[in-house]
Amino acid sequence: ESQVDQNALTETRIVRLKEQFEQLDALRAELASARLQIPT
């Protein structure tokens, strides 16, 4: 039962990572804009 719960949590994390990966280009563009406002 514990392994089933752990598997469900892992699947949720995988779905979340896939969603974040799909937003990677947008996040990179947001980071580039932020670095123009506050440079390194």
All heavy atoms as atom14 arrays in JSON, in Angstrom:
{
  "sequence": "ESQVDQNALTETRIVRLKEQFEQLDALRAELASARLQIPT",
  "atom14_mask": [
    [1, 1, 1, 1, 1, 1, 1, 1, 1, 0, 0, 0, 0, 0],
    [1, 1, 1, 1, 1, 1, 0, 0, 0, 0, 0, 0, 0, 0],
    [1, 1, 1, 1, 1, 1, 1, 1, 1, 0, 0, 0, 0, 0],
    [1, 1, 1, 1, 1, 1, 1, 0, 0, 0, 0, 0, 0, 0],
    [1, 1, 1, 1, 1, 1, 1, 1, 0, 0, 0, 0, 0, 0],
    [1, 1, 1, 1, 1, 1, 1, 1, 1, 0, 0, 0, 0, 0],
    [1, 1, 1, 1, 1, 1, 1, 1, 0, 0, 0, 0, 0, 0],
    [1, 1, 1, 1, 1, 0, 0, 0, 0, 0, 0, 0, 0, 0],
    [1, 1, 1, 1, 1, 1, 1, 1, 0, 0, 0, 0, 0, 0],
    [1, 1, 1, 1, 1, 1, 1, 0, 0, 0, 0, 0, 0, 0],
    [1, 1, 1, 1, 1, 1, 1, 1, 1, 0, 0, 0, 0, 0],
    [1, 1, 1, 1, 1, 1, 1, 0, 0, 0, 0, 0, 0, 0],
    [1, 1, 1, 1, 1, 1, 1, 1, 1, 1, 1, 0, 0, 0],
    [1, 1, 1, 1, 1, 1, 1, 1, 0, 0, 0, 0, 0, 0],
    [1, 1, 1, 1, 1, 1, 1, 0, 0, 0, 0, 0, 0, 0],
    [1, 1, 1, 1, 1, 1, 1, 1, 1, 1, 1, 0, 0, 0],
    [1, 1, 1, 1, 1, 1, 1, 1, 0, 0, 0, 0, 0, 0],
    [1, 1, 1, 1, 1, 1, 1, 1, 1, 0, 0, 0, 0, 0],
    [1, 1, 1, 1, 1, 1, 1, 1, 1, 0, 0, 0, 0, 0],
    [1, 1, 1, 1, 1, 1, 1, 1, 1, 0, 0, 0, 0, 0],
    [1, 1, 1, 1, 1, 1, 1, 1, 1, 1, 1, 0, 0, 0],
    [1, 1, 1, 1, 1, 1, 1, 1, 1, 0, 0, 0, 0, 0],
    [1, 1, 1, 1, 1, 1, 1, 1, 1, 0, 0, 0, 0, 0],
    [1, 1, 1, 1, 1, 1, 1, 1, 0, 0, 0, 0, 0, 0],
    [1, 1, 1, 1, 1, 1, 1, 1, 0, 0, 0, 0, 0, 0],
    [1, 1, 1, 1, 1, 0, 0, 0, 0, 0, 0, 0, 0, 0],
    [1, 1, 1, 1, 1, 1, 1, 1, 0, 0, 0, 0, 0, 0],
    [1, 1, 1, 1, 1, 1, 1, 1, 1, 1, 1, 0, 0, 0],
    [1, 1, 1, 1, 1, 0, 0, 0, 0, 0, 0, 0, 0, 0],
    [1, 1, 1, 1, 1, 1, 1, 1, 1, 0, 0, 0, 0, 0],
    [1, 1, 1, 1, 1, 1, 1, 1, 0, 0, 0, 0, 0, 0],
    [1, 1, 1, 1, 1, 0, 0, 0, 0, 0, 0, 0, 0, 0],
    [1, 1, 1, 1, 1, 1, 0, 0, 0, 0, 0, 0, 0, 0],
    [1, 1, 1, 1, 1, 0, 0, 0, 0, 0, 0, 0, 0, 0],
    [1, 1, 1, 1, 1, 1, 1, 1, 1, 1, 1, 0, 0, 0],
    [1, 1, 1, 1, 1, 1, 1, 1, 0, 0, 0, 0, 0, 0],
    [1, 1, 1, 1, 1, 1, 1, 1, 1, 0, 0, 0, 0, 0],
    [1, 1, 1, 1, 1, 1, 1, 1, 0, 0, 0, 0, 0, 0],
    [1, 1, 1, 1, 1, 1, 1, 0, 0, 0, 0, 0, 0, 0],
    [1, 1, 1, 1, 1, 1, 1, 0, 0, 0, 0, 0, 0, 0]
  ],
  "atom14_positions": [
    [[0.83, -1.21, 0.0], [0.0, 0.0, 0.0], [0.86, 1.26, 0.0], [0.56, 2.24, -0.69], [-0.93, -0.02, 1.22], [-1.98, -1.12, 1.16], [-2.8, -1.18, 2.44], [-2.45, -0.43, 3.39], [-3.78, -1.94, 2.49], [0.0, 0.0, 0.0], [0.0, 0.0, 0.0], [0.0, 0.0, 0.0], [0.0, 0.0, 0.0], [0.0, 0.0, 0.0]],
    [[1.95, 1.22, 0.78], [2.86, 2.36, 0.8], [3.51, 2.59, -0.56], [3.67, 3.72, -1.01], [3.93, 2.15, 1.88], [4.87, 3.21, 1.86], [0.0, 0.0, 0.0], [0.0, 0.0, 0.0], [0.0, 0.0, 0.0], [0.0, 0.0, 0.0], [0.0, 0.0, 0.0], [0.0, 0.0, 0.0], [0.0, 0.0, 0.0], [0.0, 0.0, 0.0]],
    [[3.87, 1.49, -1.23], [4.5, 1.61, -2.55], [3.5, 2.15, -3.57], [3.87, 2.94, -4.44], [5.02, 0.24, -3.0], [5.82, 0.29, -4.29], [7.06, 1.15, -4.16], [7.8, 1.03, -3.19], [7.29, 2.02, -5.13], [0.0, 0.0, 0.0], [0.0, 0.0, 0.0], [0.0, 0.0, 0.0], [0.0, 0.0, 0.0], [0.0, 0.0, 0.0]],
    [[2.23, 1.75, -3.44], [1.2, 2.28, -4.33], [1.06, 3.8, -4.15], [0.97, 4.56, -5.12], [-0.15, 1.58, -4.08], [-1.28, 2.29, -4.82], [-0.07, 0.13, -4.53], [0.0, 0.0, 0.0], [0.0, 0.0, 0.0], [0.0, 0.0, 0.0], [0.0, 0.0, 0.0], [0.0, 0.0, 0.0], [0.0, 0.0, 0.0], [0.0, 0.0, 0.0]],
    [[1.04, 4.24, -2.89], [0.97, 5.68, -2.62], [2.19, 6.4, -3.18], [2.08, 7.5, -3.75], [0.85, 5.93, -1.12], [-0.45, 5.4, -0.55], [-1.41, 5.22, -1.35], [-0.53, 5.17, 0.67], [0.0, 0.0, 0.0], [0.0, 0.0, 0.0], [0.0, 0.0, 0.0], [0.0, 0.0, 0.0], [0.0, 0.0, 0.0], [0.0, 0.0, 0.0]],
    [[3.38, 5.8, -3.02], [4.6, 6.4, -3.52], [4.57, 6.48, -5.05], [5.01, 7.48, -5.64], [5.82, 5.6, -3.05], [7.16, 6.22, -3.43], [7.4, 7.53, -2.72], [6.93, 7.74, -1.62], [8.14, 8.43, -3.37], [0.0, 0.0, 0.0], [0.0, 0.0, 0.0], [0.0, 0.0, 0.0], [0.0, 0.0, 0.0], [0.0, 0.0, 0.0]],
    [[4.05, 5.43, -5.68], [3.95, 5.44, -7.14], [3.0, 6.55, -7.62], [3.27, 7.23, -8.62], [3.47, 4.08, -7.65], [4.5, 3.0, -7.45], [5.68, 3.27, -7.24], [4.06, 1.75, -7.49], [0.0, 0.0, 0.0], [0.0, 0.0, 0.0], [0.0, 0.0, 0.0], [0.0, 0.0, 0.0], [0.0, 0.0, 0.0], [0.0, 0.0, 0.0]],
    [[1.89, 6.72, -6.91], [0.95, 7.77, -7.27], [1.59, 9.15, -7.13], [1.41, 10.03, -7.97], [-0.31, 7.68, -6.4], [0.0, 0.0, 0.0], [0.0, 0.0, 0.0], [0.0, 0.0, 0.0], [0.0, 0.0, 0.0], [0.0, 0.0, 0.0], [0.0, 0.0, 0.0], [0.0, 0.0, 0.0], [0.0, 0.0, 0.0], [0.0, 0.0, 0.0]],
    [[2.37, 9.35, -6.05], [3.07, 10.62, -5.86], [4.1, 10.86, -6.96], [4.24, 11.98, -7.47], [3.74, 10.63, -4.48], [4.5, 11.9, -4.1], [3.57, 13.1, -4.1], [5.16, 11.74, -2.72], [0.0, 0.0, 0.0], [0.0, 0.0, 0.0], [0.0, 0.0, 0.0], [0.0, 0.0, 0.0], [0.0, 0.0, 0.0], [0.0, 0.0, 0.0]],
    [[4.8, 9.79, -7.34], [5.8, 9.91, -8.41], [5.13, 10.27, -9.73], [5.64, 11.11, -10.49], [6.58, 8.59, -8.54], [7.22, 8.29, -7.31], [7.63, 8.7, -9.63], [0.0, 0.0, 0.0], [0.0, 0.0, 0.0], [0.0, 0.0, 0.0], [0.0, 0.0, 0.0], [0.0, 0.0, 0.0], [0.0, 0.0, 0.0], [0.0, 0.0, 0.0]],
    [[3.99, 9.65, -10.01], [3.27, 9.96, -11.24], [2.82, 11.42, -11.24], [2.88, 12.11, -12.27], [2.07, 9.03, -11.38], [2.45, 7.59, -11.68], [1.23, 6.68, -11.76], [0.11, 7.2, -11.56], [1.4, 5.48, -12.03], [0.0, 0.0, 0.0], [0.0, 0.0, 0.0], [0.0, 0.0, 0.0], [0.0, 0.0, 0.0], [0.0, 0.0, 0.0]],
    [[2.38, 11.93, -10.08], [1.98, 13.34, -9.99], [3.16, 14.26, -10.26], [3.04, 15.27, -10.96], [1.39, 13.63, -8.6], [0.28, 12.77, -8.35], [0.94, 15.08, -8.49], [0.0, 0.0, 0.0], [0.0, 0.0, 0.0], [0.0, 0.0, 0.0], [0.0, 0.0, 0.0], [0.0, 0.0, 0.0], [0.0, 0.0, 0.0], [0.0, 0.0, 0.0]],
    [[4.32, 13.91, -9.7], [5.52, 14.72, -9.93], [5.93, 14.68, -11.4], [6.36, 15.7, -11.95], [6.65, 14.21, -9.05], [6.46, 14.48, -7.56], [7.59, 13.88, -6.75], [7.44, 14.21, -5.33], [8.23, 13.73, -4.36], [9.22, 12.88, -4.69], [8.04, 14.06, -3.11], [0.0, 0.0, 0.0], [0.0, 0.0, 0.0], [0.0, 0.0, 0.0]],
    [[5.79, 13.52, -12.04], [6.15, 13.41, -13.46], [5.24, 14.31, -14.3], [5.7, 15.01, -15.21], [6.07, 11.94, -13.91], [7.17, 11.12, -13.25], [6.18, 11.84, -15.43], [7.1, 9.64, -13.53], [0.0, 0.0, 0.0], [0.0, 0.0, 0.0], [0.0, 0.0, 0.0], [0.0, 0.0, 0.0], [0.0, 0.0, 0.0], [0.0, 0.0, 0.0]],
    [[3.95, 14.29, -13.98], [3.01, 15.16, -14.71], [3.37, 16.63, -14.5], [3.37, 17.42, -15.45], [1.57, 14.88, -14.24], [0.61, 15.91, -14.84], [1.15, 13.47, -14.62], [0.0, 0.0, 0.0], [0.0, 0.0, 0.0], [0.0, 0.0, 0.0], [0.0, 0.0, 0.0], [0.0, 0.0, 0.0], [0.0, 0.0, 0.0], [0.0, 0.0, 0.0]],
    [[3.73, 16.98, -13.26], [4.11, 18.37, -12.97], [5.39, 18.76, -13.73], [5.48, 19.86, -14.28], [4.33, 18.53, -11.45], [4.76, 19.91, -11.02], [3.63, 20.9, -11.15], [4.05, 22.21, -10.71], [4.04, 22.63, -9.45], [3.63, 21.78, -8.48], [4.4, 23.84, -9.13], [0.0, 0.0, 0.0], [0.0, 0.0, 0.0], [0.0, 0.0, 0.0]],
    [[6.35, 17.86, -13.79], [7.59, 18.13, -14.51], [7.33, 18.29, -16.0], [7.95, 19.14, -16.66], [8.61, 17.02, -14.25], [9.22, 16.98, -12.85], [10.1, 15.74, -12.69], [10.03, 18.23, -12.56], [0.0, 0.0, 0.0], [0.0, 0.0, 0.0], [0.0, 0.0, 0.0], [0.0, 0.0, 0.0], [0.0, 0.0, 0.0], [0.0, 0.0, 0.0]],
    [[6.43, 17.48, -16.55], [6.09, 17.6, -17.97], [5.46, 18.97, -18.24], [5.76, 19.61, -19.25], [5.14, 16.48, -18.38], [5.8, 15.1, -18.47], [4.81, 14.04, -18.92], [5.48, 12.68, -19.06], [4.52, 11.62, -19.48], [0.0, 0.0, 0.0], [0.0, 0.0, 0.0], [0.0, 0.0, 0.0], [0.0, 0.0, 0.0], [0.0, 0.0, 0.0]],
    [[4.57, 19.41, -17.35], [3.95, 20.72, -17.52], [5.0, 21.84, -17.45], [4.96, 22.79, -18.24], [2.88, 20.94, -16.45], [1.68, 20.0, -16.59], [0.7, 20.17, -15.45], [1.03, 20.92, -14.49], [-0.39, 19.59, -15.5], [0.0, 0.0, 0.0], [0.0, 0.0, 0.0], [0.0, 0.0, 0.0], [0.0, 0.0, 0.0], [0.0, 0.0, 0.0]],
    [[5.92, 21.73, -16.49], [6.98, 22.73, -16.37], [7.9, 22.71, -17.59], [8.36, 23.77, -18.03], [7.77, 22.5, -15.09], [6.98, 22.77, -13.82], [7.78, 22.49, -12.57], [8.86, 21.87, -12.63], [7.28, 22.93, -11.43], [0.0, 0.0, 0.0], [0.0, 0.0, 0.0], [0.0, 0.0, 0.0], [0.0, 0.0, 0.0], [0.0, 0.0, 0.0]],
    [[8.17, 21.51, -18.12], [9.03, 21.41, -19.3], [8.37, 22.09, -20.5], [9.05, 22.74, -21.31], [9.32, 19.95, -19.61], [10.23, 19.76, -20.79], [11.6, 19.96, -20.68], [9.71, 19.39, -22.03], [12.44, 19.8, -21.77], [10.55, 19.22, -23.12], [11.91, 19.43, -22.99], [0.0, 0.0, 0.0], [0.0, 0.0, 0.0], [0.0, 0.0, 0.0]],
    [[7.05, 21.95, -20.62], [6.34, 22.6, -21.71], [6.4, 24.12, -21.58], [6.29, 24.83, -22.57], [4.89, 22.12, -21.75], [4.75, 20.65, -22.12], [3.32, 20.17, -22.02], [2.46, 20.96, -21.56], [3.05, 19.0, -22.39], [0.0, 0.0, 0.0], [0.0, 0.0, 0.0], [0.0, 0.0, 0.0], [0.0, 0.0, 0.0], [0.0, 0.0, 0.0]],
    [[6.56, 24.63, -20.34], [6.63, 26.07, -20.11], [8.07, 26.57, -20.05], [8.31, 27.73, -19.7], [5.93, 26.42, -18.79], [4.46, 26.04, -18.76], [3.84, 26.27, -17.39], [4.52, 26.63, -16.44], [2.54, 26.06, -17.29], [0.0, 0.0, 0.0], [0.0, 0.0, 0.0], [0.0, 0.0, 0.0], [0.0, 0.0, 0.0], [0.0, 0.0, 0.0]],
    [[9.02, 25.71, -20.41], [10.43, 26.06, -20.26], [10.8, 27.28, -21.1], [11.5, 28.18, -20.63], [11.3, 24.86, -20.63], [12.81, 25.03, -20.39], [13.09, 25.31, -18.93], [13.56, 23.76, -20.83], [0.0, 0.0, 0.0], [0.0, 0.0, 0.0], [0.0, 0.0, 0.0], [0.0, 0.0, 0.0], [0.0, 0.0, 0.0], [0.0, 0.0, 0.0]],
    [[10.33, 27.34, -22.34], [10.67, 28.47, -23.2], [10.1, 29.78, -22.64], [10.77, 30.82, -22.66], [10.13, 28.22, -24.61], [10.87, 27.09, -25.32], [12.01, 26.78, -24.9], [10.3, 26.51, -26.26], [0.0, 0.0, 0.0], [0.0, 0.0, 0.0], [0.0, 0.0, 0.0], [0.0, 0.0, 0.0], [0.0, 0.0, 0.0], [0.0, 0.0, 0.0]],
    [[8.87, 29.71, -22.13], [8.27, 30.91, -21.55], [9.03, 31.35, -20.3], [9.23, 32.55, -20.07], [6.8, 30.66, -21.22], [0.0, 0.0, 0.0], [0.0, 0.0, 0.0], [0.0, 0.0, 0.0], [0.0, 0.0, 0.0], [0.0, 0.0, 0.0], [0.0, 0.0, 0.0], [0.0, 0.0, 0.0], [0.0, 0.0, 0.0], [0.0, 0.0, 0.0]],
    [[9.46, 30.38, -19.49], [10.22, 30.71, -18.29], [11.58, 31.31, -18.65], [12.05, 32.24, -17.98], [10.39, 29.47, -17.42], [9.12, 28.89, -16.79], [9.42, 27.59, -16.07], [8.51, 29.9, -15.82], [0.0, 0.0, 0.0], [0.0, 0.0, 0.0], [0.0, 0.0, 0.0], [0.0, 0.0, 0.0], [0.0, 0.0, 0.0], [0.0, 0.0, 0.0]],
    [[12.21, 30.79, -19.69], [13.48, 31.35, -20.13], [13.31, 32.78, -20.62], [14.14, 33.65, -20.34], [14.07, 30.48, -21.23], [14.66, 29.16, -20.73], [15.12, 28.29, -21.88], [15.79, 27.09, -21.41], [16.16, 26.08, -22.2], [15.92, 26.15, -23.5], [16.76, 25.02, -21.69], [0.0, 0.0, 0.0], [0.0, 0.0, 0.0], [0.0, 0.0, 0.0]],
    [[12.22, 33.05, -21.35], [11.96, 34.41, -21.81], [11.7, 35.35, -20.64], [12.16, 36.49, -20.62], [10.76, 34.41, -22.77], [0.0, 0.0, 0.0], [0.0, 0.0, 0.0], [0.0, 0.0, 0.0], [0.0, 0.0, 0.0], [0.0, 0.0, 0.0], [0.0, 0.0, 0.0], [0.0, 0.0, 0.0], [0.0, 0.0, 0.0], [0.0, 0.0, 0.0]],
    [[10.98, 34.84, -19.63], [10.71, 35.66, -18.44], [12.0, 35.95, -17.69], [12.21, 37.07, -17.2], [9.73, 34.92, -17.54], [9.3, 35.71, -16.31], [8.29, 34.97, -15.46], [7.79, 33.91, -15.91], [8.0, 35.45, -14.35], [0.0, 0.0, 0.0], [0.0, 0.0, 0.0], [0.0, 0.0, 0.0], [0.0, 0.0, 0.0], [0.0, 0.0, 0.0]],
    [[12.89, 34.95, -17.62], [14.17, 35.16, -16.95], [15.02, 36.17, -17.71], [15.66, 37.04, -17.1], [14.92, 33.82, -16.84], [16.34, 33.89, -16.25], [16.31, 34.45, -14.83], [16.99, 32.52, -16.27], [0.0, 0.0, 0.0], [0.0, 0.0, 0.0], [0.0, 0.0, 0.0], [0.0, 0.0, 0.0], [0.0, 0.0, 0.0], [0.0, 0.0, 0.0]],
    [[15.01, 36.09, -19.04], [15.79, 37.05, -19.83], [15.27, 38.46, -19.62], [16.06, 39.42, -19.51], [15.71, 36.66, -21.31], [0.0, 0.0, 0.0], [0.0, 0.0, 0.0], [0.0, 0.0, 0.0], [0.0, 0.0, 0.0], [0.0, 0.0, 0.0], [0.0, 0.0, 0.0], [0.0, 0.0, 0.0], [0.0, 0.0, 0.0], [0.0, 0.0, 0.0]],
    [[13.94, 38.62, -19.55], [13.37, 39.95, -19.29], [13.74, 40.45, -17.91], [14.07, 41.63, -17.72], [11.85, 39.88, -19.44], [11.25, 41.12, -19.12], [0.0, 0.0, 0.0], [0.0, 0.0, 0.0], [0.0, 0.0, 0.0], [0.0, 0.0, 0.0], [0.0, 0.0, 0.0], [0.0, 0.0, 0.0], [0.0, 0.0, 0.0], [0.0, 0.0, 0.0]],
    [[13.72, 39.55, -16.92], [14.07, 39.94, -15.55], [15.54, 40.35, -15.46], [15.89, 41.28, -14.72], [13.78, 38.8, -14.58], [0.0, 0.0, 0.0], [0.0, 0.0, 0.0], [0.0, 0.0, 0.0], [0.0, 0.0, 0.0], [0.0, 0.0, 0.0], [0.0, 0.0, 0.0], [0.0, 0.0, 0.0], [0.0, 0.0, 0.0], [0.0, 0.0, 0.0]],
    [[16.41, 39.69, -16.24], [17.82, 40.04, -16.21], [18.1, 41.37, -16.89], [19.14, 41.98, -16.65], [18.64, 38.93, -16.86], [18.8, 37.72, -15.96], [19.66, 36.65, -16.59], [19.96, 35.58, -15.63], [20.61, 34.47, -15.94], [21.02, 34.27, -17.18], [20.85, 33.55, -15.02], [0.0, 0.0, 0.0], [0.0, 0.0, 0.0], [0.0, 0.0, 0.0]],
    [[17.19, 41.82, -17.76], [17.33, 43.16, -18.31], [16.98, 44.2, -17.25], [17.6, 45.26, -17.18], [16.42, 43.32, -19.53], [16.8, 42.53, -20.78], [15.76, 42.74, -21.87], [18.18, 42.95, -21.28], [0.0, 0.0, 0.0], [0.0, 0.0, 0.0], [0.0, 0.0, 0.0], [0.0, 0.0, 0.0], [0.0, 0.0, 0.0], [0.0, 0.0, 0.0]],
    [[15.97, 43.92, -16.43], [15.57, 44.84, -15.38], [16.58, 44.86, -14.24], [16.91, 45.94, -13.71], [14.19, 44.46, -14.85], [13.09, 44.58, -15.88], [11.74, 44.18, -15.32], [11.63, 43.68, -14.2], [10.7, 44.4, -16.09], [0.0, 0.0, 0.0], [0.0, 0.0, 0.0], [0.0, 0.0, 0.0], [0.0, 0.0, 0.0], [0.0, 0.0, 0.0]],
    [[17.05, 43.69, -13.84], [18.05, 43.58, -12.78], [19.18, 42.71, -13.32], [19.12, 41.49, -13.23], [17.45, 42.96, -11.49], [16.26, 43.79, -11.01], [18.51, 42.89, -10.39], [15.59, 43.24, -9.78], [0.0, 0.0, 0.0], [0.0, 0.0, 0.0], [0.0, 0.0, 0.0], [0.0, 0.0, 0.0], [0.0, 0.0, 0.0], [0.0, 0.0, 0.0]],
    [[20.21, 43.32, -13.9], [21.27, 42.53, -14.54], [22.15, 41.82, -13.53], [22.07, 42.07, -12.31], [22.05, 43.59, -15.33], [21.81, 44.86, -14.59], [20.41, 44.77, -14.04], [0.0, 0.0, 0.0], [0.0, 0.0, 0.0], [0.0, 0.0, 0.0], [0.0, 0.0, 0.0], [0.0, 0.0, 0.0], [0.0, 0.0, 0.0], [0.0, 0.0, 0.0]],
    [[23.02, 40.96, -14.05], [23.92, 40.2, -13.19], [25.25, 40.91, -12.98], [26.11, 40.38, -12.28], [24.18, 38.81, -13.81], [24.73, 38.98, -15.13], [22.89, 38.02, -13.92], [0.0, 0.0, 0.0], [0.0, 0.0, 0.0], [0.0, 0.0, 0.0], [0.0, 0.0, 0.0], [0.0, 0.0, 0.0], [0.0, 0.0, 0.0], [0.0, 0.0, 0.0]]
  ]
}
